[in-house]
Amino acid sequence: MTVSRTVRVGSSHGLHARPAKLFAQAAKDAGIPVTIAKDSGKAVNAASILSVISLGIDFGDHVVITADGDSAEQVLDSLTELLTTDHDEGA
């Protein structure tokens, strides 16, 4: 089952190194294919930190994350939480 979700990025500096690493690692650990796209742009492998950073995602940008597998809803729940959290607080 393929599930997509549009999410507004909450990290005040967008998906730069640290938040991108957290997100890519969580996508990799999900064990199912996950992609991320900025707005209506090309989707990239969400488990690749370089691909995620290459999208140039900033605070407040909308991204579409898609997961394909039996646990797609749960995976998107956890990835949505990661994307909406400000990982730059106090940094």
PDB file of N, CA and C in Angstrom:
ATOM      1  N   MET A   1       0.839  -1.186   0.000  1.00  0.00           N
ATOM      2  CA  MET A   1       0.000   0.000   0.000  1.00  0.00           C
ATOM      3  C   MET A   1       0.885   1.251   0.000  1.00  0.00           C
ATOM      4  N   THR A   2       0.635   2.146  -0.938  1.00  0.00           N
ATOM      5  CA  THR A   2       1.385   3.393  -1.023  1.00  0.00           C
ATOM      6  C   THR A   2       0.576   4.516  -0.390  1.00  0.00           C
ATOM      7  N   VAL A   3       1.236   5.258   0.505  1.00  0.00           N
ATOM      8  CA  VAL A   3       0.587   6.354   1.215  1.00  0.00           C
ATOM      9  C   VAL A   3       1.460   7.598   1.080  1.00  0.00           C
ATOM     10  N   SER A   4       0.822   8.743   0.801  1.00  0.00           N
ATOM     11  CA  SER A   4       1.543  10.010   0.714  1.00  0.00           C
ATOM     12  C   SER A   4       0.969  10.996   1.711  1.00  0.00           C
ATOM     13  N   ARG A   5       1.821  11.918   2.118  1.00  0.00           N
ATOM     14  CA  ARG A   5       1.393  12.942   3.063  1.00  0.00           C
ATOM     15  C   ARG A   5       2.152  14.232   2.776  1.00  0.00           C
ATOM     16  N   THR A   6       1.456  15.360   2.834  1.00  0.00           N
ATOM     17  CA  THR A   6       2.104  16.664   2.681  1.00  0.00           C
ATOM     18  C   THR A   6       2.362  17.220   4.072  1.00  0.00           C
ATOM     19  N   VAL A   7       3.592  17.670   4.288  1.00  0.00           N
ATOM     20  CA  VAL A   7       4.024  18.111   5.619  1.00  0.00           C
ATOM     21  C   VAL A   7       4.735  19.450   5.495  1.00  0.00           C
ATOM     22  N   ARG A   8       4.513  20.337   6.464  1.00  0.00           N
ATOM     23  CA  ARG A   8       5.226  21.618   6.528  1.00  0.00           C
ATOM     24  C   ARG A   8       6.429  21.440   7.443  1.00  0.00           C
ATOM     25  N   VAL A   9       7.608  21.804   6.956  1.00  0.00           N
ATOM     26  CA  VAL A   9       8.858  21.601   7.696  1.00  0.00           C
ATOM     27  C   VAL A   9       8.944  22.578   8.867  1.00  0.00           C
ATOM     28  N   GLY A  10       9.235  22.041  10.062  1.00  0.00           N
ATOM     29  CA  GLY A  10       9.254  22.850  11.276  1.00  0.00           C
ATOM     30  C   GLY A  10      10.624  23.263  11.762  1.00  0.00           C
ATOM     31  N   SER A  11      11.697  22.648  11.267  1.00  0.00           N
ATOM     32  CA  SER A  11      13.039  23.034  11.708  1.00  0.00           C
ATOM     33  C   SER A  11      13.348  24.442  11.216  1.00  0.00           C
ATOM     34  N   SER A  12      13.752  25.320  12.141  1.00  0.00           N
ATOM     35  CA  SER A  12      13.920  26.732  11.802  1.00  0.00           C
ATOM     36  C   SER A  12      14.976  26.975  10.733  1.00  0.00           C
ATOM     37  N   HIS A  13      15.879  26.035  10.515  1.00  0.00           N
ATOM     38  CA  HIS A  13      16.875  26.174   9.452  1.00  0.00           C
ATOM     39  C   HIS A  13      16.640  25.174   8.329  1.00  0.00           C
ATOM     40  N   GLY A  14      15.450  24.578   8.291  1.00  0.00           N
ATOM     41  CA  GLY A  14      15.117  23.624   7.237  1.00  0.00           C
ATOM     42  C   GLY A  14      15.824  22.289   7.429  1.00  0.00           C
ATOM     43  N   LEU A  15      15.882  21.516   6.350  1.00  0.00           N
ATOM     44  CA  LEU A  15      16.507  20.197   6.421  1.00  0.00           C
ATOM     45  C   LEU A  15      17.970  20.290   6.017  1.00  0.00           C
ATOM     46  N   HIS A  16      18.763  20.907   6.882  1.00  0.00           N
ATOM     47  CA  HIS A  16      20.207  20.936   6.672  1.00  0.00           C
ATOM     48  C   HIS A  16      20.796  19.698   7.345  1.00  0.00           C
ATOM     49  N   ALA A  17      22.078  19.669   7.551  1.00  0.00           N
ATOM     50  CA  ALA A  17      22.796  18.453   7.968  1.00  0.00           C
ATOM     51  C   ALA A  17      22.144  17.651   9.098  1.00  0.00           C
ATOM     52  N   ARG A  18      21.943  18.240  10.265  1.00  0.00           N
ATOM     53  CA  ARG A  18      21.468  17.445  11.404  1.00  0.00           C
ATOM     54  C   ARG A  18      20.038  16.932  11.225  1.00  0.00           C
ATOM     55  N   PRO A  19      19.073  17.805  10.939  1.00  0.00           N
ATOM     56  CA  PRO A  19      17.713  17.290  10.731  1.00  0.00           C
ATOM     57  C   PRO A  19      17.624  16.345   9.532  1.00  0.00           C
ATOM     58  N   ALA A  20      18.383  16.625   8.475  1.00  0.00           N
ATOM     59  CA  ALA A  20      18.368  15.748   7.299  1.00  0.00           C
ATOM     60  C   ALA A  20      18.912  14.371   7.659  1.00  0.00           C
ATOM     61  N   LYS A  21      19.933  14.349   8.496  1.00  0.00           N
ATOM     62  CA  LYS A  21      20.521  13.069   8.928  1.00  0.00           C
ATOM     63  C   LYS A  21      19.504  12.275   9.751  1.00  0.00           C
ATOM     64  N   LEU A  22      18.840  12.942  10.684  1.00  0.00           N
ATOM     65  CA  LEU A  22      17.820  12.274  11.510  1.00  0.00           C
ATOM     66  C   LEU A  22      16.703  11.713  10.638  1.00  0.00           C
ATOM     67  N   PHE A  23      16.254  12.517   9.682  1.00  0.00           N
ATOM     68  CA  PHE A  23      15.167  12.112   8.804  1.00  0.00           C
ATOM     69  C   PHE A  23      15.582  10.941   7.907  1.00  0.00           C
ATOM     70  N   ALA A  24      16.756  11.062   7.278  1.00  0.00           N
ATOM     71  CA  ALA A  24      17.234  10.009   6.373  1.00  0.00           C
ATOM     72  C   ALA A  24      17.448   8.698   7.121  1.00  0.00           C
ATOM     73  N   GLN A  25      17.974   8.783   8.340  1.00  0.00           N
ATOM     74  CA  GLN A  25      18.205   7.563   9.129  1.00  0.00           C
ATOM     75  C   GLN A  25      16.877   6.900   9.489  1.00  0.00           C
ATOM     76  N   ALA A  26      15.897   7.711   9.871  1.00  0.00           N
ATOM     77  CA  ALA A  26      14.579   7.161  10.213  1.00  0.00           C
ATOM     78  C   ALA A  26      13.934   6.523   8.986  1.00  0.00           C
ATOM     79  N   ALA A  27      14.092   7.153   7.816  1.00  0.00           N
ATOM     80  CA  ALA A  27      13.539   6.596   6.581  1.00  0.00           C
ATOM     81  C   ALA A  27      14.223   5.276   6.245  1.00  0.00           C
ATOM     82  N   LYS A  28      15.527   5.232   6.444  1.00  0.00           N
ATOM     83  CA  LYS A  28      16.294   4.006   6.177  1.00  0.00           C
ATOM     84  C   LYS A  28      15.862   2.895   7.127  1.00  0.00           C
ATOM     85  N   ASP A  29      15.711   3.238   8.403  1.00  0.00           N
ATOM     86  CA  ASP A  29      15.330   2.260   9.432  1.00  0.00           C
ATOM     87  C   ASP A  29      13.909   1.733   9.239  1.00  0.00           C
ATOM     88  N   ALA A  30      13.091   2.451   8.477  1.00  0.00           N
ATOM     89  CA  ALA A  30      11.698   2.051   8.264  1.00  0.00           C
ATOM     90  C   ALA A  30      11.603   0.698   7.567  1.00  0.00           C
ATOM     91  N   GLY A  31      12.582   0.382   6.736  1.00  0.00           N
ATOM     92  CA  GLY A  31      12.597  -0.916   6.070  1.00  0.00           C
ATOM     93  C   GLY A  31      11.666  -1.020   4.863  1.00  0.00           C
ATOM     94  N   ILE A  32      11.050   0.102   4.490  1.00  0.00           N
ATOM     95  CA  ILE A  32      10.203   0.132   3.286  1.00  0.00           C
ATOM     96  C   ILE A  32      10.634   1.343   2.463  1.00  0.00           C
ATOM     97  N   PRO A  33      10.337   1.345   1.159  1.00  0.00           N
ATOM     98  CA  PRO A  33      10.730   2.488   0.331  1.00  0.00           C
ATOM     99  C   PRO A  33      10.012   3.772   0.757  1.00  0.00           C
ATOM    100  N   VAL A  34      10.800   4.838   0.950  1.00  0.00           N
ATOM    101  CA  VAL A  34      10.252   6.141   1.319  1.00  0.00           C
ATOM    102  C   VAL A  34      10.887   7.186   0.414  1.00  0.00           C
ATOM    103  N   THR A  35      10.064   8.079  -0.137  1.00  0.00           N
ATOM    104  CA  THR A  35      10.583   9.185  -0.942  1.00  0.00           C
ATOM    105  C   THR A  35      10.119  10.502  -0.343  1.00  0.00           C
ATOM    106  N   ILE A  36      10.838  11.571  -0.707  1.00  0.00           N
ATOM    107  CA  ILE A  36      10.471  12.922  -0.285  1.00  0.00           C
ATOM    108  C   ILE A  36      10.633  13.840  -1.490  1.00  0.00           C
ATOM    109  N   ALA A  37       9.698  14.764  -1.637  1.00  0.00           N
ATOM    110  CA  ALA A  37       9.751  15.747  -2.716  1.00  0.00           C
ATOM    111  C   ALA A  37       9.395  17.109  -2.153  1.00  0.00           C
ATOM    112  N   LYS A  38      10.039  18.147  -2.684  1.00  0.00           N
ATOM    113  CA  LYS A  38       9.720  19.513  -2.275  1.00  0.00           C
ATOM    114  C   LYS A  38       8.626  20.022  -3.199  1.00  0.00           C
ATOM    115  N   ASP A  39       7.505  20.447  -2.611  1.00  0.00           N
ATOM    116  CA  ASP A  39       6.346  20.900  -3.377  1.00  0.00           C
ATOM    117  C   ASP A  39       5.985  19.851  -4.431  1.00  0.00           C
ATOM    118  N   SER A  40       5.952  20.234  -5.699  1.00  0.00           N
ATOM    119  CA  SER A  40       5.590  19.263  -6.739  1.00  0.00           C
ATOM    120  C   SER A  40       6.823  18.817  -7.520  1.00  0.00           C
ATOM    121  N   GLY A  41       7.992  18.963  -6.904  1.00  0.00           N
ATOM    122  CA  GLY A  41       9.249  18.597  -7.566  1.00  0.00           C
ATOM    123  C   GLY A  41       9.472  17.097  -7.619  1.00  0.00           C
ATOM    124  N   LYS A  42      10.638  16.720  -8.116  1.00  0.00           N
ATOM    125  CA  LYS A  42      11.006  15.323  -8.279  1.00  0.00           C
ATOM    126  C   LYS A  42      11.223  14.664  -6.914  1.00  0.00           C
ATOM    127  N   ALA A  43      10.670  13.480  -6.746  1.00  0.00           N
ATOM    128  CA  ALA A  43      10.835  12.731  -5.498  1.00  0.00           C
ATOM    129  C   ALA A  43      12.205  12.067  -5.476  1.00  0.00           C
ATOM    130  N   VAL A  44      12.842  12.088  -4.303  1.00  0.00           N
ATOM    131  CA  VAL A  44      14.139  11.433  -4.126  1.00  0.00           C
ATOM    132  C   VAL A  44      14.045  10.417  -3.001  1.00  0.00           C
ATOM    133  N   ASN A  45      15.019   9.535  -2.944  1.00  0.00           N
ATOM    134  CA  ASN A  45      15.104   8.520  -1.899  1.00  0.00           C
ATOM    135  C   ASN A  45      15.295   9.208  -0.545  1.00  0.00           C
ATOM    136  N   ALA A  46      14.323   9.054   0.350  1.00  0.00           N
ATOM    137  CA  ALA A  46      14.379   9.721   1.651  1.00  0.00           C
ATOM    138  C   ALA A  46      15.453   9.136   2.561  1.00  0.00           C
ATOM    139  N   ALA A  47      15.954   7.949   2.259  1.00  0.00           N
ATOM    140  CA  ALA A  47      16.985   7.323   3.084  1.00  0.00           C
ATOM    141  C   ALA A  47      18.387   7.808   2.718  1.00  0.00           C
ATOM    142  N   SER A  48      18.496   8.646   1.694  1.00  0.00           N
ATOM    143  CA  SER A  48      19.786   9.183   1.263  1.00  0.00           C
ATOM    144  C   SER A  48      19.944  10.612   1.761  1.00  0.00           C
ATOM    145  N   ILE A  49      20.859  10.815   2.722  1.00  0.00           N
ATOM    146  CA  ILE A  49      21.042  12.157   3.290  1.00  0.00           C
ATOM    147  C   ILE A  49      21.442  13.155   2.208  1.00  0.00           C
ATOM    148  N   LEU A  50      22.277  12.750   1.255  1.00  0.00           N
ATOM    149  CA  LEU A  50      22.693  13.672   0.191  1.00  0.00           C
ATOM    150  C   LEU A  50      21.519  14.070  -0.691  1.00  0.00           C
ATOM    151  N   SER A  51      20.645  13.107  -0.986  1.00  0.00           N
ATOM    152  CA  SER A  51      19.461  13.414  -1.790  1.00  0.00           C
ATOM    153  C   SER A  51      18.537  14.373  -1.057  1.00  0.00           C
ATOM    154  N   VAL A  52      18.356  14.141   0.240  1.00  0.00           N
ATOM    155  CA  VAL A  52      17.476  14.999   1.045  1.00  0.00           C
ATOM    156  C   VAL A  52      18.033  16.422   1.101  1.00  0.00           C
ATOM    157  N   ILE A  53      19.337  16.553   1.370  1.00  0.00           N
ATOM    158  CA  ILE A  53      19.956  17.877   1.444  1.00  0.00           C
ATOM    159  C   ILE A  53      19.891  18.579   0.089  1.00  0.00           C
ATOM    160  N   SER A  54      20.037  17.809  -0.994  1.00  0.00           N
ATOM    161  CA  SER A  54      20.048  18.397  -2.343  1.00  0.00           C
ATOM    162  C   SER A  54      18.737  19.090  -2.704  1.00  0.00           C
ATOM    163  N   LEU A  55      17.656  18.756  -2.000  1.00  0.00           N
ATOM    164  CA  LEU A  55      16.363  19.387  -2.280  1.00  0.00           C
ATOM    165  C   LEU A  55      16.312  20.840  -1.799  1.00  0.00           C
ATOM    166  N   GLY A  56      17.216  21.221  -0.905  1.00  0.00           N
ATOM    167  CA  GLY A  56      17.244  22.597  -0.414  1.00  0.00           C
ATOM    168  C   GLY A  56      15.986  22.984   0.328  1.00  0.00           C
ATOM    169  N   ILE A  57      15.545  22.132   1.230  1.00  0.00           N
ATOM    170  CA  ILE A  57      14.287  22.357   1.953  1.00  0.00           C
ATOM    171  C   ILE A  57      14.513  23.327   3.104  1.00  0.00           C
ATOM    172  N   ASP A  58      13.721  24.401   3.133  1.00  0.00           N
ATOM    173  CA  ASP A  58      13.825  25.427   4.161  1.00  0.00           C
ATOM    174  C   ASP A  58      12.648  25.370   5.124  1.00  0.00           C
ATOM    175  N   PHE A  59      12.784  26.105   6.234  1.00  0.00           N
ATOM    176  CA  PHE A  59      11.713  26.216   7.214  1.00  0.00           C
ATOM    177  C   PHE A  59      10.432  26.686   6.526  1.00  0.00           C
ATOM    178  N   GLY A  60       9.332  26.013   6.817  1.00  0.00           N
ATOM    179  CA  GLY A  60       8.034  26.407   6.282  1.00  0.00           C
ATOM    180  C   GLY A  60       7.720  25.818   4.921  1.00  0.00           C
ATOM    181  N   ASP A  61       8.717  25.207   4.273  1.00  0.00           N
ATOM    182  CA  ASP A  61       8.457  24.565   2.983  1.00  0.00           C
ATOM    183  C   ASP A  61       7.529  23.375   3.171  1.00  0.00           C
ATOM    184  N   HIS A  62       6.755  23.103   2.133  1.00  0.00           N
ATOM    185  CA  HIS A  62       5.904  21.914   2.142  1.00  0.00           C
ATOM    186  C   HIS A  62       6.594  20.815   1.359  1.00  0.00           C
ATOM    187  N   VAL A  63       6.609  19.634   1.933  1.00  0.00           N
ATOM    188  CA  VAL A  63       7.190  18.476   1.268  1.00  0.00           C
ATOM    189  C   VAL A  63       6.150  17.369   1.214  1.00  0.00           C
ATOM    190  N   VAL A  64       6.304  16.494   0.243  1.00  0.00           N
ATOM    191  CA  VAL A  64       5.436  15.330   0.127  1.00  0.00           C
ATOM    192  C   VAL A  64       6.288  14.105   0.415  1.00  0.00           C
ATOM    193  N   ILE A  65       5.901  13.359   1.455  1.00  0.00           N
ATOM    194  CA  ILE A  65       6.602  12.113   1.752  1.00  0.00           C
ATOM    195  C   ILE A  65       5.685  10.952   1.387  1.00  0.00           C
ATOM    196  N   THR A  66       6.281   9.942   0.790  1.00  0.00           N
ATOM    197  CA  THR A  66       5.529   8.779   0.329  1.00  0.00           C
ATOM    198  C   THR A  66       6.219   7.527   0.813  1.00  0.00           C
ATOM    199  N   ALA A  67       5.434   6.603   1.347  1.00  0.00           N
ATOM    200  CA  ALA A  67       5.960   5.313   1.799  1.00  0.00           C
ATOM    201  C   ALA A  67       5.145   4.211   1.141  1.00  0.00           C
ATOM    202  N   ASP A  68       5.816   3.108   0.861  1.00  0.00           N
ATOM    203  CA  ASP A  68       5.172   2.003   0.172  1.00  0.00           C
ATOM    204  C   ASP A  68       5.429   0.712   0.935  1.00  0.00           C
ATOM    205  N   GLY A  69       4.377   0.190   1.588  1.00  0.00           N
ATOM    206  CA  GLY A  69       4.507  -1.054   2.343  1.00  0.00           C
ATOM    207  C   GLY A  69       3.399  -1.189   3.363  1.00  0.00           C
ATOM    208  N   ASP A  70       3.390  -2.335   4.044  1.00  0.00           N
ATOM    209  CA  ASP A  70       2.341  -2.620   5.021  1.00  0.00           C
ATOM    210  C   ASP A  70       2.322  -1.616   6.178  1.00  0.00           C
ATOM    211  N   SER A  71       3.498  -1.113   6.550  1.00  0.00           N
ATOM    212  CA  SER A  71       3.579  -0.204   7.700  1.00  0.00           C
ATOM    213  C   SER A  71       3.666   1.260   7.263  1.00  0.00           C
ATOM    214  N   ALA A  72       3.221   1.566   6.042  1.00  0.00           N
ATOM    215  CA  ALA A  72       3.375   2.914   5.483  1.00  0.00           C
ATOM    216  C   ALA A  72       2.781   3.998   6.378  1.00  0.00           C
ATOM    217  N   GLU A  73       1.584   3.778   6.908  1.00  0.00           N
ATOM    218  CA  GLU A  73       0.940   4.795   7.758  1.00  0.00           C
ATOM    219  C   GLU A  73       1.779   5.090   9.000  1.00  0.00           C
ATOM    220  N   GLN A  74       2.257   4.044   9.679  1.00  0.00           N
ATOM    221  CA  GLN A  74       3.060   4.230  10.889  1.00  0.00           C
ATOM    222  C   GLN A  74       4.385   4.921  10.568  1.00  0.00           C
ATOM    223  N   VAL A  75       4.989   4.534   9.451  1.00  0.00           N
ATOM    224  CA  VAL A  75       6.250   5.155   9.038  1.00  0.00           C
ATOM    225  C   VAL A  75       6.037   6.639   8.782  1.00  0.00           C
ATOM    226  N   LEU A  76       4.969   6.980   8.061  1.00  0.00           N
ATOM    227  CA  LEU A  76       4.702   8.388   7.780  1.00  0.00           C
ATOM    228  C   LEU A  76       4.362   9.164   9.045  1.00  0.00           C
ATOM    229  N   ASP A  77       3.715   8.524  10.007  1.00  0.00           N
ATOM    230  CA  ASP A  77       3.445   9.184  11.292  1.00  0.00           C
ATOM    231  C   ASP A  77       4.751   9.613  11.950  1.00  0.00           C
ATOM    232  N   SER A  78       5.721   8.698  12.036  1.00  0.00           N
ATOM    233  CA  SER A  78       6.977   9.018  12.715  1.00  0.00           C
ATOM    234  C   SER A  78       7.804  10.014  11.904  1.00  0.00           C
ATOM    235  N   LEU A  79       7.805   9.888  10.570  1.00  0.00           N
ATOM    236  CA  LEU A  79       8.556  10.833   9.749  1.00  0.00           C
ATOM    237  C   LEU A  79       7.924  12.222   9.778  1.00  0.00           C
ATOM    238  N   THR A  80       6.600  12.284   9.823  1.00  0.00           N
ATOM    239  CA  THR A  80       5.901  13.573   9.937  1.00  0.00           C
ATOM    240  C   THR A  80       6.302  14.269  11.227  1.00  0.00           C
ATOM    241  N   GLU A  81       6.352  13.508  12.310  1.00  0.00           N
ATOM    242  CA  GLU A  81       6.754  14.086  13.600  1.00  0.00           C
ATOM    243  C   GLU A  81       8.172  14.651  13.514  1.00  0.00           C
ATOM    244  N   LEU A  82       9.074  13.918  12.874  1.00  0.00           N
ATOM    245  CA  LEU A  82      10.449  14.396  12.703  1.00  0.00           C
ATOM    246  C   LEU A  82      10.488  15.705  11.903  1.00  0.00           C
ATOM    247  N   LEU A  83       9.710  15.767  10.833  1.00  0.00           N
ATOM    248  CA  LEU A  83       9.739  16.935   9.961  1.00  0.00           C
ATOM    249  C   LEU A  83       9.098  18.161  10.591  1.00  0.00           C
ATOM    250  N   THR A  84       8.110  17.982  11.439  1.00  0.00           N
ATOM    251  CA  THR A  84       7.409  19.132  12.022  1.00  0.00           C
ATOM    252  C   THR A  84       8.074  19.630  13.294  1.00  0.00           C
ATOM    253  N   THR A  85       9.014  18.875  13.841  1.00  0.00           N
ATOM    254  CA  THR A  85       9.725  19.275  15.059  1.00  0.00           C
ATOM    255  C   THR A  85      10.872  20.213  14.697  1.00  0.00           C
ATOM    256  N   ASP A  86      11.092  21.242  15.532  1.00  0.00           N
ATOM    257  CA  ASP A  86      12.232  22.139  15.313  1.00  0.00           C
ATOM    258  C   ASP A  86      13.465  21.544  15.971  1.00  0.00           C
ATOM    259  N   HIS A  87      14.321  20.930  15.158  1.00  0.00           N
ATOM    260  CA  HIS A  87      15.536  20.306  15.680  1.00  0.00           C
ATOM    261  C   HIS A  87      16.646  21.317  15.905  1.00  0.00           C
ATOM    262  N   ASP A  88      16.365  22.597  15.648  1.00  0.00           N
ATOM    263  CA  ASP A  88      17.375  23.635  15.813  1.00  0.00           C
ATOM    264  C   ASP A  88      17.164  24.448  17.076  1.00  0.00           C
ATOM    265  N   GLU A  89      16.159  24.087  17.864  1.00  0.00           N
ATOM    266  CA  GLU A  89      15.909  24.818  19.111  1.00  0.00           C
ATOM    267  C   GLU A  89      17.154  24.752  19.995  1.00  0.00           C
ATOM    268  N   GLY A  90      17.594  25.888  20.434  1.00  0.00           N
ATOM    269  CA  GLY A  90      18.724  25.932  21.351  1.00  0.00           C
ATOM    270  C   GLY A  90      20.047  25.577  20.694  1.00  0.00           C
ATOM    271  N   ALA A  91      20.068  25.415  19.393  1.00  0.00           N
ATOM    272  CA  ALA A  91      21.315  25.044  18.712  1.00  0.00           C
ATOM    273  C   ALA A  91      22.146  26.267  18.406  1.00  0.00           C
TER     274      ALA A  91
END
